C-alpha atoms as a PDB file:
ATOM      1  CA  MET A   1     -18.720-203.623 316.043  1.00  0.00           C
ATOM      2  CA  PRO A   2     -17.227-200.512 314.738  1.00  0.00           C
ATOM      3  CA  GLY A   3     -13.870-201.737 314.284  1.00  0.00           C
ATOM      4  CA  LEU A   4     -15.337-204.725 312.334  1.00  0.00           C
ATOM      5  CA  SER A   5     -16.882-202.237 309.555  1.00  0.00           C
ATOM      6  CA  GLY A   6     -14.359-200.162 309.535  1.00  0.00           C
ATOM      7  CA  ARG A   7     -12.098-203.192 308.520  1.00  0.00           C
ATOM      8  CA  MET A   8     -14.479-204.340 305.977  1.00  0.00           C
ATOM      9  CA  SER A   9     -15.242-201.311 304.757  1.00  0.00           C
ATOM     10  CA  THR A  10     -11.513-200.972 304.097  1.00  0.00           C
ATOM     11  CA  VAL A  11     -11.398-204.496 302.606  1.00  0.00           C
ATOM     12  CA  VAL A  12     -13.534-203.398 300.219  1.00  0.00           C
ATOM     13  CA  LYS A  13     -12.937-199.980 299.490  1.00  0.00           C
ATOM     14  CA  SER A  14      -9.292-201.462 298.554  1.00  0.00           C
ATOM     15  CA  LYS A  15     -10.849-204.144 295.752  1.00  0.00           C
ATOM     16  CA  ILE A  16     -12.504-201.715 294.383  1.00  0.00           C
ATOM     17  CA  SER A  17      -9.113-200.251 293.975  1.00  0.00           C
ATOM     18  CA  LYS A  18      -7.608-203.014 292.525  1.00  0.00           C
ATOM     19  CA  MET A  19     -10.711-203.243 290.434  1.00  0.00           C
ATOM     20  CA  LEU A  20     -10.468-199.946 288.643  1.00  0.00           C
ATOM     21  CA  ASP A  21      -6.667-199.846 288.563  1.00  0.00           C
ATOM     22  CA  LYS A  22      -6.983-203.078 286.430  1.00  0.00           C
ATOM     23  CA  ALA A  23      -9.980-201.819 283.978  1.00  0.00           C
ATOM     24  CA  GLU A  24      -8.606-198.651 284.342  1.00  0.00           C
ATOM     25  CA  ASP A  25      -6.803-197.651 280.766  1.00  0.00           C
ATOM     26  CA  PRO A  26      -4.511-194.782 280.228  1.00  0.00           C
ATOM     27  CA  ALA A  27      -5.673-193.607 276.715  1.00  0.00           C
ATOM     28  CA  GLU A  28      -9.650-193.591 277.686  1.00  0.00           C
ATOM     29  CA  THR A  29      -9.027-191.718 280.949  1.00  0.00           C
ATOM     30  CA  LEU A  30      -6.934-188.744 278.854  1.00  0.00           C
ATOM     31  CA  ASP A  31      -9.500-188.739 276.300  1.00  0.00           C
ATOM     32  CA  TYR A  32     -12.240-188.387 278.559  1.00  0.00           C
ATOM     33  CA  SER A  33      -9.923-185.812 280.502  1.00  0.00           C
ATOM     34  CA  TYR A  34      -9.746-183.677 277.208  1.00  0.00           C
ATOM     35  CA  GLN A  35     -13.070-184.337 275.626  1.00  0.00           C
ATOM     36  CA  LYS A  36     -13.917-182.462 279.470  1.00  0.00           C
ATOM     37  CA  GLN A  37     -11.186-179.742 278.758  1.00  0.00           C
ATOM     38  CA  LEU A  38     -13.483-179.149 275.309  1.00  0.00           C
ATOM     39  CA  GLU A  39     -16.545-178.805 276.873  1.00  0.00           C
ATOM     40  CA  GLN A  40     -15.107-176.592 279.449  1.00  0.00           C
ATOM     41  CA  LEU A  41     -14.310-174.532 276.623  1.00  0.00           C
ATOM     42  CA  GLN A  42     -17.368-174.849 275.220  1.00  0.00           C
ATOM     43  CA  ASN A  43     -18.673-173.501 278.422  1.00  0.00           C
ATOM     44  CA  VAL A  44     -16.978-170.648 278.225  1.00  0.00           C
ATOM     45  CA  LYS A  45     -17.736-169.581 274.943  1.00  0.00           C
ATOM     46  CA  LYS A  46     -21.398-169.901 275.496  1.00  0.00           C
ATOM     47  CA  GLY A  47     -21.136-167.881 278.321  1.00  0.00           C
ATOM     48  CA  ILE A  48     -19.240-164.901 276.483  1.00  0.00           C
ATOM     49  CA  ALA A  49     -22.305-165.154 273.874  1.00  0.00           C
ATOM     50  CA  ASP A  50     -24.471-164.405 276.858  1.00  0.00           C
ATOM     51  CA  VAL A  51     -22.799-160.957 278.016  1.00  0.00           C
ATOM     52  CA  VAL A  52     -22.128-160.259 274.247  1.00  0.00           C
ATOM     53  CA  THR A  53     -26.172-161.079 273.722  1.00  0.00           C
ATOM     54  CA  ALA A  54     -26.943-158.858 277.520  1.00  0.00           C
ATOM     55  CA  LYS A  55     -24.173-155.813 275.620  1.00  0.00           C
ATOM     56  CA  LYS A  56     -26.185-155.951 272.613  1.00  0.00           C
ATOM     57  CA  ARG A  57     -29.630-155.849 274.141  1.00  0.00           C
ATOM     58  CA  LEU A  58     -28.682-152.488 276.533  1.00  0.00           C
ATOM     59  CA  GLN A  59     -26.870-151.002 273.383  1.00  0.00           C
ATOM     60  CA  ALA A  60     -30.097-151.317 271.663  1.00  0.00           C
ATOM     61  CA  GLN A  61     -32.146-149.851 274.355  1.00  0.00           C
ATOM     62  CA  GLU A  62     -29.378-147.154 275.190  1.00  0.00           C
ATOM     63  CA  GLY A  63     -29.808-145.969 271.482  1.00  0.00           C
ATOM     64  CA  THR A  64     -34.010-145.888 271.944  1.00  0.00           C
ATOM     65  CA  ILE A  65     -32.985-143.261 274.562  1.00  0.00           C
ATOM     66  CA  GLN A  66     -30.605-141.175 273.125  1.00  0.00           C
ATOM     67  CA  GLN A  67     -33.445-140.608 270.597  1.00  0.00           C
ATOM     68  CA  SER A  68     -35.435-139.749 273.169  1.00  0.00           C
ATOM     69  CA  ILE A  69     -33.425-137.301 274.792  1.00  0.00           C
ATOM     70  CA  VAL A  70     -33.196-135.835 271.448  1.00  0.00           C
ATOM     71  CA  LYS A  71     -36.416-135.519 270.489  1.00  0.00           C
ATOM     72  CA  LEU A  72     -37.622-134.180 274.546  1.00  0.00           C
ATOM     73  CA  ASP A  73     -35.067-131.565 274.224  1.00  0.00           C
ATOM     74  CA  THR A  74     -36.348-130.560 271.019  1.00  0.00           C
ATOM     75  CA  GLN A  75     -39.997-130.925 272.037  1.00  0.00           C
ATOM     76  CA  ALA A  76     -39.194-128.408 275.092  1.00  0.00           C
ATOM     77  CA  ARG A  77     -37.468-125.585 272.843  1.00  0.00           C
ATOM     78  CA  GLN A  78     -40.650-125.580 270.772  1.00  0.00           C
ATOM     79  CA  ALA A  79     -43.070-125.110 273.447  1.00  0.00           C
ATOM     80  CA  LEU A  80     -40.547-122.537 274.918  1.00  0.00           C
ATOM     81  CA  ALA A  81     -41.238-120.838 271.914  1.00  0.00           C
ATOM     82  CA  ALA A  82     -44.333-121.426 271.752  1.00  0.00           C
ATOM     83  CA  GLY A  83     -44.775-119.280 275.357  1.00  0.00           C
ATOM     84  CA  LYS A  84     -45.902-122.668 276.932  1.00  0.00           C
ATOM     85  CA  GLU A  85     -43.480-122.541 279.643  1.00  0.00           C
ATOM     86  CA  ASP A  86     -44.884-124.999 281.897  1.00  0.00           C
ATOM     87  CA  LEU A  87     -45.401-128.405 278.598  1.00  0.00           C
ATOM     88  CA  ALA A  88     -41.131-127.090 278.224  1.00  0.00           C
ATOM     89  CA  ARG A  89     -40.349-127.632 281.684  1.00  0.00           C
ATOM     90  CA  THR A  90     -42.065-131.042 282.071  1.00  0.00           C
ATOM     91  CA  ALA A  91     -40.532-132.398 278.582  1.00  0.00           C
ATOM     92  CA  LEU A  92     -37.024-131.380 279.873  1.00  0.00           C
ATOM     93  CA  GLU A  93     -37.738-133.233 283.376  1.00  0.00           C
ATOM     94  CA  ARG A  94     -38.031-136.458 281.061  1.00  0.00           C
ATOM     95  CA  LYS A  95     -35.408-135.060 279.488  1.00  0.00           C
ATOM     96  CA  ASN A  96     -33.158-135.472 282.583  1.00  0.00           C
ATOM     97  CA  GLY A  97     -34.657-138.772 283.605  1.00  0.00           C
ATOM     98  CA  ALA A  98     -33.895-140.116 280.188  1.00  0.00           C
ATOM     99  CA  GLN A  99     -30.384-139.100 280.910  1.00  0.00           C
ATOM    100  CA  THR A 100     -30.402-140.903 284.040  1.00  0.00           C
ATOM    101  CA  GLU A 101     -30.914-143.961 282.605  1.00  0.00           C
ATOM    102  CA  LEU A 102     -28.741-143.788 280.227  1.00  0.00           C
ATOM    103  CA  GLN A 103     -25.857-143.448 282.218  1.00  0.00           C
ATOM    104  CA  THR A 104     -26.971-146.422 284.279  1.00  0.00           C
ATOM    105  CA  LEU A 105     -27.177-148.217 281.254  1.00  0.00           C
ATOM    106  CA  ASP A 106     -23.824-147.167 280.288  1.00  0.00           C
ATOM    107  CA  GLN A 107     -22.873-148.397 282.876  1.00  0.00           C
ATOM    108  CA  GLN A 108     -24.359-151.770 282.846  1.00  0.00           C
ATOM    109  CA  ILE A 109     -22.668-151.947 278.943  1.00  0.00           C
ATOM    110  CA  SER A 110     -19.453-151.093 280.656  1.00  0.00           C
ATOM    111  CA  GLU A 111     -19.057-153.673 283.464  1.00  0.00           C
ATOM    112  CA  LEU A 112     -20.537-156.265 280.390  1.00  0.00           C
ATOM    113  CA  GLN A 113     -17.788-155.019 278.252  1.00  0.00           C
ATOM    114  CA  ALA A 114     -15.211-155.841 280.665  1.00  0.00           C
ATOM    115  CA  GLN A 115     -16.647-159.574 281.713  1.00  0.00           C
ATOM    116  CA  GLN A 116     -17.182-160.078 277.941  1.00  0.00           C
ATOM    117  CA  ASP A 117     -13.318-159.102 277.380  1.00  0.00           C
ATOM    118  CA  GLN A 118     -11.914-161.493 280.630  1.00  0.00           C
ATOM    119  CA  LEU A 119     -13.646-164.070 279.637  1.00  0.00           C
ATOM    120  CA  ILE A 120     -12.222-163.859 276.298  1.00  0.00           C
ATOM    121  CA  ASP A 121      -8.423-164.059 277.558  1.00  0.00           C
ATOM    122  CA  SER A 122     -10.146-166.745 279.943  1.00  0.00           C
ATOM    123  CA  GLU A 123     -11.343-168.815 276.149  1.00  0.00           C
ATOM    124  CA  GLN A 124      -7.755-167.824 274.783  1.00  0.00           C
ATOM    125  CA  LYS A 125      -5.761-169.267 277.734  1.00  0.00           C
ATOM    126  CA  LEU A 126      -7.879-172.571 278.202  1.00  0.00           C
ATOM    127  CA  ARG A 127      -7.615-172.953 274.393  1.00  0.00           C
ATOM    128  CA  ALA A 128      -3.564-172.780 274.835  1.00  0.00           C
ATOM    129  CA  LYS A 129      -4.227-174.865 277.883  1.00  0.00           C
ATOM    130  CA  ILE A 130      -6.143-177.102 276.312  1.00  0.00           C
ATOM    131  CA  GLU A 131      -3.822-177.457 273.088  1.00  0.00           C
ATOM    132  CA  ALA A 132      -0.876-178.403 274.720  1.00  0.00           C
ATOM    133  CA  PHE A 133      -2.934-181.137 276.911  1.00  0.00           C
ATOM    134  CA  ARG A 134      -4.110-182.518 273.507  1.00  0.00           C
ATOM    135  CA  THR A 135      -0.456-182.593 272.400  1.00  0.00           C
ATOM    136  CA  LYS A 136       1.024-183.711 275.671  1.00  0.00           C
ATOM    137  CA  LYS A 137      -1.846-186.455 275.191  1.00  0.00           C
ATOM    138  CA  GLU A 138      -1.271-187.948 272.361  1.00  0.00           C
ATOM    139  CA  VAL A 139       2.538-188.276 273.292  1.00  0.00           C
ATOM    140  CA  ILE A 140       1.571-189.942 276.494  1.00  0.00           C
ATOM    141  CA  LYS A 141      -0.592-192.599 274.881  1.00  0.00           C
ATOM    142  CA  ALA A 142       2.038-193.213 271.809  1.00  0.00           C
ATOM    143  CA  GLN A 143       4.369-193.786 275.074  1.00  0.00           C
ATOM    144  CA  TYR A 144       2.060-196.181 276.502  1.00  0.00           C
ATOM    145  CA  SER A 145       1.027-197.968 273.951  1.00  0.00           C
ATOM    146  CA  ALA A 146       5.320-198.518 273.697  1.00  0.00           C
ATOM    147  CA  ALA A 147       5.588-200.056 276.513  1.00  0.00           C
ATOM    148  CA  GLU A 148       2.507-201.932 276.488  1.00  0.00           C
ATOM    149  CA  ALA A 149       3.860-203.334 273.216  1.00  0.00           C
ATOM    150  CA  GLN A 150       7.464-203.586 275.249  1.00  0.00           C
ATOM    151  CA  VAL A 151       5.885-205.617 278.237  1.00  0.00           C
ATOM    152  CA  LYS A 152       4.033-207.970 276.245  1.00  0.00           C
ATOM    153  CA  ILE A 153       7.346-208.622 273.954  1.00  0.00           C
ATOM    154  CA  SER A 154       9.523-208.816 277.079  1.00  0.00           C
ATOM    155  CA  GLU A 155       6.512-211.603 278.646  1.00  0.00           C
ATOM    156  CA  ALA A 156       5.986-213.676 275.837  1.00  0.00           C
ATOM    157  CA  ALA A 157       9.979-213.982 275.588  1.00  0.00           C
ATOM    158  CA  THR A 158      10.406-214.697 279.349  1.00  0.00           C
ATOM    159  CA  GLY A 159       7.307-216.699 280.072  1.00  0.00           C
ATOM    160  CA  VAL A 160       5.866-214.267 282.659  1.00  0.00           C
ATOM    161  CA  GLY A 161       3.073-212.843 281.894  1.00  0.00           C
ATOM    162  CA  GLU A 162      -0.139-214.213 282.950  1.00  0.00           C
ATOM    163  CA  GLN A 163      -1.315-216.070 279.474  1.00  0.00           C
ATOM    164  CA  MET A 164       2.181-217.458 279.121  1.00  0.00           C
ATOM    165  CA  ALA A 165       1.808-218.750 282.434  1.00  0.00           C
ATOM    166  CA  ASP A 166      -1.468-220.882 281.947  1.00  0.00           C
ATOM    167  CA  VAL A 167       0.180-222.101 278.543  1.00  0.00           C
ATOM    168  CA  GLY A 168       3.053-223.311 280.855  1.00  0.00           C
ATOM    169  CA  LEU A 169       0.268-224.779 283.452  1.00  0.00           C
ATOM    170  CA  ALA A 170      -1.118-226.539 280.271  1.00  0.00           C
ATOM    171  CA  MET A 171       1.966-227.895 279.016  1.00  0.00           C
ATOM    172  CA  GLN A 172       3.024-228.936 282.304  1.00  0.00           C
ATOM    173  CA  ARG A 173      -0.471-231.120 283.307  1.00  0.00           C
ATOM    174  CA  ALA A 174      -0.517-232.400 279.339  1.00  0.00           C
ATOM    175  CA  VAL A 175       3.759-233.221 280.472  1.00  0.00           C
ATOM    176  CA  ASP A 176       2.359-235.145 283.771  1.00  0.00           C
ATOM    177  CA  LYS A 177      -0.638-236.861 282.272  1.00  0.00           C
ATOM    178  CA  THR A 178       1.280-238.841 279.497  1.00  0.00           C
ATOM    179  CA  GLU A 179       3.913-239.919 282.298  1.00  0.00           C
ATOM    180  CA  GLN A 180       0.980-241.459 284.045  1.00  0.00           C
ATOM    181  CA  MET A 181      -0.564-242.432 281.026  1.00  0.00           C
ATOM    182  CA  LYS A 182       3.210-244.033 280.353  1.00  0.00           C
ATOM    183  CA  ALA A 183       3.809-245.510 283.862  1.00  0.00           C
ATOM    184  CA  ARG A 184       0.151-247.540 283.886  1.00  0.00           C
ATOM    185  CA  ALA A 185       0.530-248.154 280.284  1.00  0.00           C
ATOM    186  CA  GLY A 186       4.099-249.882 281.161  1.00  0.00           C
ATOM    187  CA  ALA A 187       2.215-252.066 284.700  1.00  0.00           C
ATOM    188  CA  VAL A 188      -0.706-253.123 282.451  1.00  0.00           C
ATOM    189  CA  GLN A 189       2.121-254.797 280.405  1.00  0.00           C
ATOM    190  CA  GLU A 190       4.016-255.689 283.192  1.00  0.00           C
ATOM    191  CA  LEU A 191       0.704-257.708 284.988  1.00  0.00           C
ATOM    192  CA  GLU A 192      -0.133-258.941 281.778  1.00  0.00           C
ATOM    193  CA  ALA A 193       3.155-260.762 281.323  1.00  0.00           C
ATOM    194  CA  ALA A 194       3.507-262.060 284.511  1.00  0.00           C
ATOM    195  CA  GLY A 195      -0.307-263.929 283.864  1.00  0.00           C
ATOM    196  CA  THR A 196      -2.191-261.824 286.555  1.00  0.00           C
ATOM    197  CA  PHE A 197      -4.616-260.779 283.480  1.00  0.00           C
ATOM    198  CA  ASP A 198      -7.413-263.763 282.309  1.00  0.00           C
ATOM    199  CA  ASP A 199      -7.801-263.423 278.079  1.00  0.00           C
ATOM    200  CA  LEU A 200     -11.158-261.386 278.453  1.00  0.00           C
ATOM    201  CA  THR A 201     -11.460-261.503 274.606  1.00  0.00           C
ATOM    202  CA  ALA A 202     -11.745-265.633 274.711  1.00  0.00           C
ATOM    203  CA  LEU A 203     -14.965-266.994 273.306  1.00  0.00           C
ATOM    204  CA  GLY A 204     -17.103-268.137 275.815  1.00  0.00           C
ATOM    205  CA  SER A 205     -14.561-267.430 278.684  1.00  0.00           C
ATOM    206  CA  GLY A 206     -16.785-266.220 281.268  1.00  0.00           C
ATOM    207  CA  GLU A 207     -14.625-268.053 284.775  1.00  0.00           C
ATOM    208  CA  ASP A 208     -12.913-265.849 287.509  1.00  0.00           C
ATOM    209  CA  ASP A 209      -9.846-267.522 289.964  1.00  0.00           C
ATOM    210  CA  ILE A 210     -12.565-269.268 291.861  1.00  0.00           C
ATOM    211  CA  ASP A 211     -14.235-271.126 288.685  1.00  0.00           C
ATOM    212  CA  ARG A 212     -10.770-271.809 287.780  1.00  0.00           C
ATOM    213  CA  GLN A 213      -9.662-273.494 290.548  1.00  0.00           C
ATOM    214  CA  LEU A 214     -12.755-275.727 290.821  1.00  0.00           C
ATOM    215  CA  ARG A 215     -12.108-276.496 287.074  1.00  0.00           C
ATOM    216  CA  GLU A 216      -8.655-277.841 287.710  1.00  0.00           C
ATOM    217  CA  LEU A 217      -9.477-279.556 291.245  1.00  0.00           C
ATOM    218  CA  SER A 218     -12.274-281.578 288.888  1.00  0.00           C
ATOM    219  CA  SER A 219     -10.167-282.457 286.173  1.00  0.00           C
ATOM    220  CA  GLY A 220      -7.442-284.006 288.799  1.00  0.00           C
ATOM    221  CA  SER A 221      -9.985-286.044 290.241  1.00  0.00           C
ATOM    222  CA  ALA A 222     -10.660-287.697 287.177  1.00  0.00           C
ATOM    223  CA  VAL A 223      -7.132-288.053 286.080  1.00  0.00           C
ATOM    224  CA  ASP A 224      -6.658-290.015 289.670  1.00  0.00           C
ATOM    225  CA  ASP A 225      -9.973-291.814 288.902  1.00  0.00           C
ATOM    226  CA  GLU A 226      -9.314-293.244 285.339  1.00  0.00           C
ATOM    227  CA  LEU A 227      -5.111-294.112 286.796  1.00  0.00           C
ATOM    228  CA  SER A 228      -6.790-295.689 289.652  1.00  0.00           C
ATOM    229  CA  LYS A 229      -8.197-297.864 287.359  1.00  0.00           C
ATOM    230  CA  MET A 230      -5.904-298.559 284.717  1.00  0.00           C
ATOM    231  CA  LYS A 231      -3.913-299.810 288.521  1.00  0.00           C
ATOM    232  CA  ALA A 232      -6.846-302.553 288.693  1.00  0.00           C
ATOM    233  CA  GLU A 233      -6.811-303.807 285.638  1.00  0.00           C
ATOM    234  CA  LEU A 234      -3.565-304.442 285.554  1.00  0.00           C
ATOM    235  CA  GLY A 235      -3.436-306.187 288.268  1.00  0.00           C
ATOM    236  CA  SER A 236      -6.381-308.601 287.663  1.00  0.00           C
ATOM    237  CA  GLY A 237      -3.927-309.721 284.226  1.00  0.00           C
ATOM    238  CA  GLY A 238      -3.665-307.244 281.870  1.00  0.00           C
ATOM    239  CA  LEU A 239       0.062-307.628 281.463  1.00  0.00           C
ATOM    240  CA  ALA A 240       0.263-308.431 277.758  1.00  0.00           C
ATOM    241  CA  PRO A 241      -1.232-305.765 276.315  1.00  0.00           C
ATOM    242  CA  VAL A 242       1.045-303.397 278.527  1.00  0.00           C
ATOM    243  CA  ARG A 243       3.900-304.998 277.509  1.00  0.00           C
ATOM    244  CA  GLU A 244       2.810-304.612 273.903  1.00  0.00           C
ATOM    245  CA  LEU A 245       2.420-301.024 274.517  1.00  0.00           C
ATOM    246  CA  ARG A 246       5.724-300.571 275.739  1.00  0.00           C
ATOM    247  CA  SER A 247       7.018-302.664 273.490  1.00  0.00           C
ATOM    248  CA  GLY A 248       5.883-300.273 270.513  1.00  0.00           C
ATOM    249  CA  SER A 249       5.029-303.362 267.649  1.00  0.00           C
ATOM    250  CA  ASP A 250       1.734-302.676 265.937  1.00  0.00           C
ATOM    251  CA  GLU A 251       1.277-306.882 265.221  1.00  0.00           C
ATOM    252  CA  PRO A 252      -0.460-308.422 266.917  1.00  0.00           C
ATOM    253  CA  PRO A 253       0.877-311.683 268.785  1.00  0.00           C
ATOM    254  CA  ALA A 254       2.132-315.192 267.085  1.00  0.00           C
ATOM    255  CA  GLU A 255      -0.840-318.139 267.589  1.00  0.00           C
ATOM    256  CA  PRO A 256       0.217-320.819 269.098  1.00  0.00           C
ATOM    257  CA  ALA A 257       1.262-323.828 266.651  1.00  0.00           C
ATOM    258  CA  ALA A 258      -0.558-326.676 266.328  1.00  0.00           C
ATOM    259  CA  GLY A 259      -0.026-329.610 268.987  1.00  0.00           C
ATOM    260  CA  GLU A 260       1.758-326.991 271.021  1.00  0.00           C
ATOM    261  CA  SER A 261      -0.202-325.827 274.006  1.00  0.00           C
ATOM    262  CA  ALA A 262      -0.588-322.611 274.806  1.00  0.00           C
ATOM    263  CA  SER A 263       1.970-321.575 278.179  1.00  0.00           C
END
């Protein structure tokens, strides 16, 4: 699907561009550009050295040919003086060929000299350009460092920076947890005061609410049984002890006098 692939390509490129923008350091970029310009300057200097070397080699060859021309001219004169015209002609022909070669070398040397002058001029202009770039680079780096420091100070003061935002969120979470814990503590205290919770610290106490209700029911039944038993005893003639208990006297009842019947 061309449309989908095009969108995916655009999204990927935009993500990569955003990542590169975030990772790019202007100071490092400027230093890298300056280093590349220095490399270009070194290449120009190397080119000048190569041209000068070639020119020197041709000049050395030119000197050899000039010496050969002088030598051939002398030999031609000597041969002609000795009556050897053919030998003199041969020497002059070689001299003529050497002169032609010398002219070619002169032309090549002139071209190399022009190239050398051009490279030297380019090297000087490039050097001046690099020096100006170096000065501007340092100024831009200083300005960027100052602006970056100002941004960090402002973000720290206003709390709008990423790090300060994280600190603010962490503090807010701590406050929320504290309030939640305080509310929970208050709820526990309120339930404890209402008797909702059993005393879990009491030794031997492992009963739950059902066990407690059963125990209370059993206790109530025992009390009812004892009460019924006491009523039965009272109904069978045990009133005197009851009266004595009600009078609160600790002394035993008086025995009847002699001759008196017990009523």
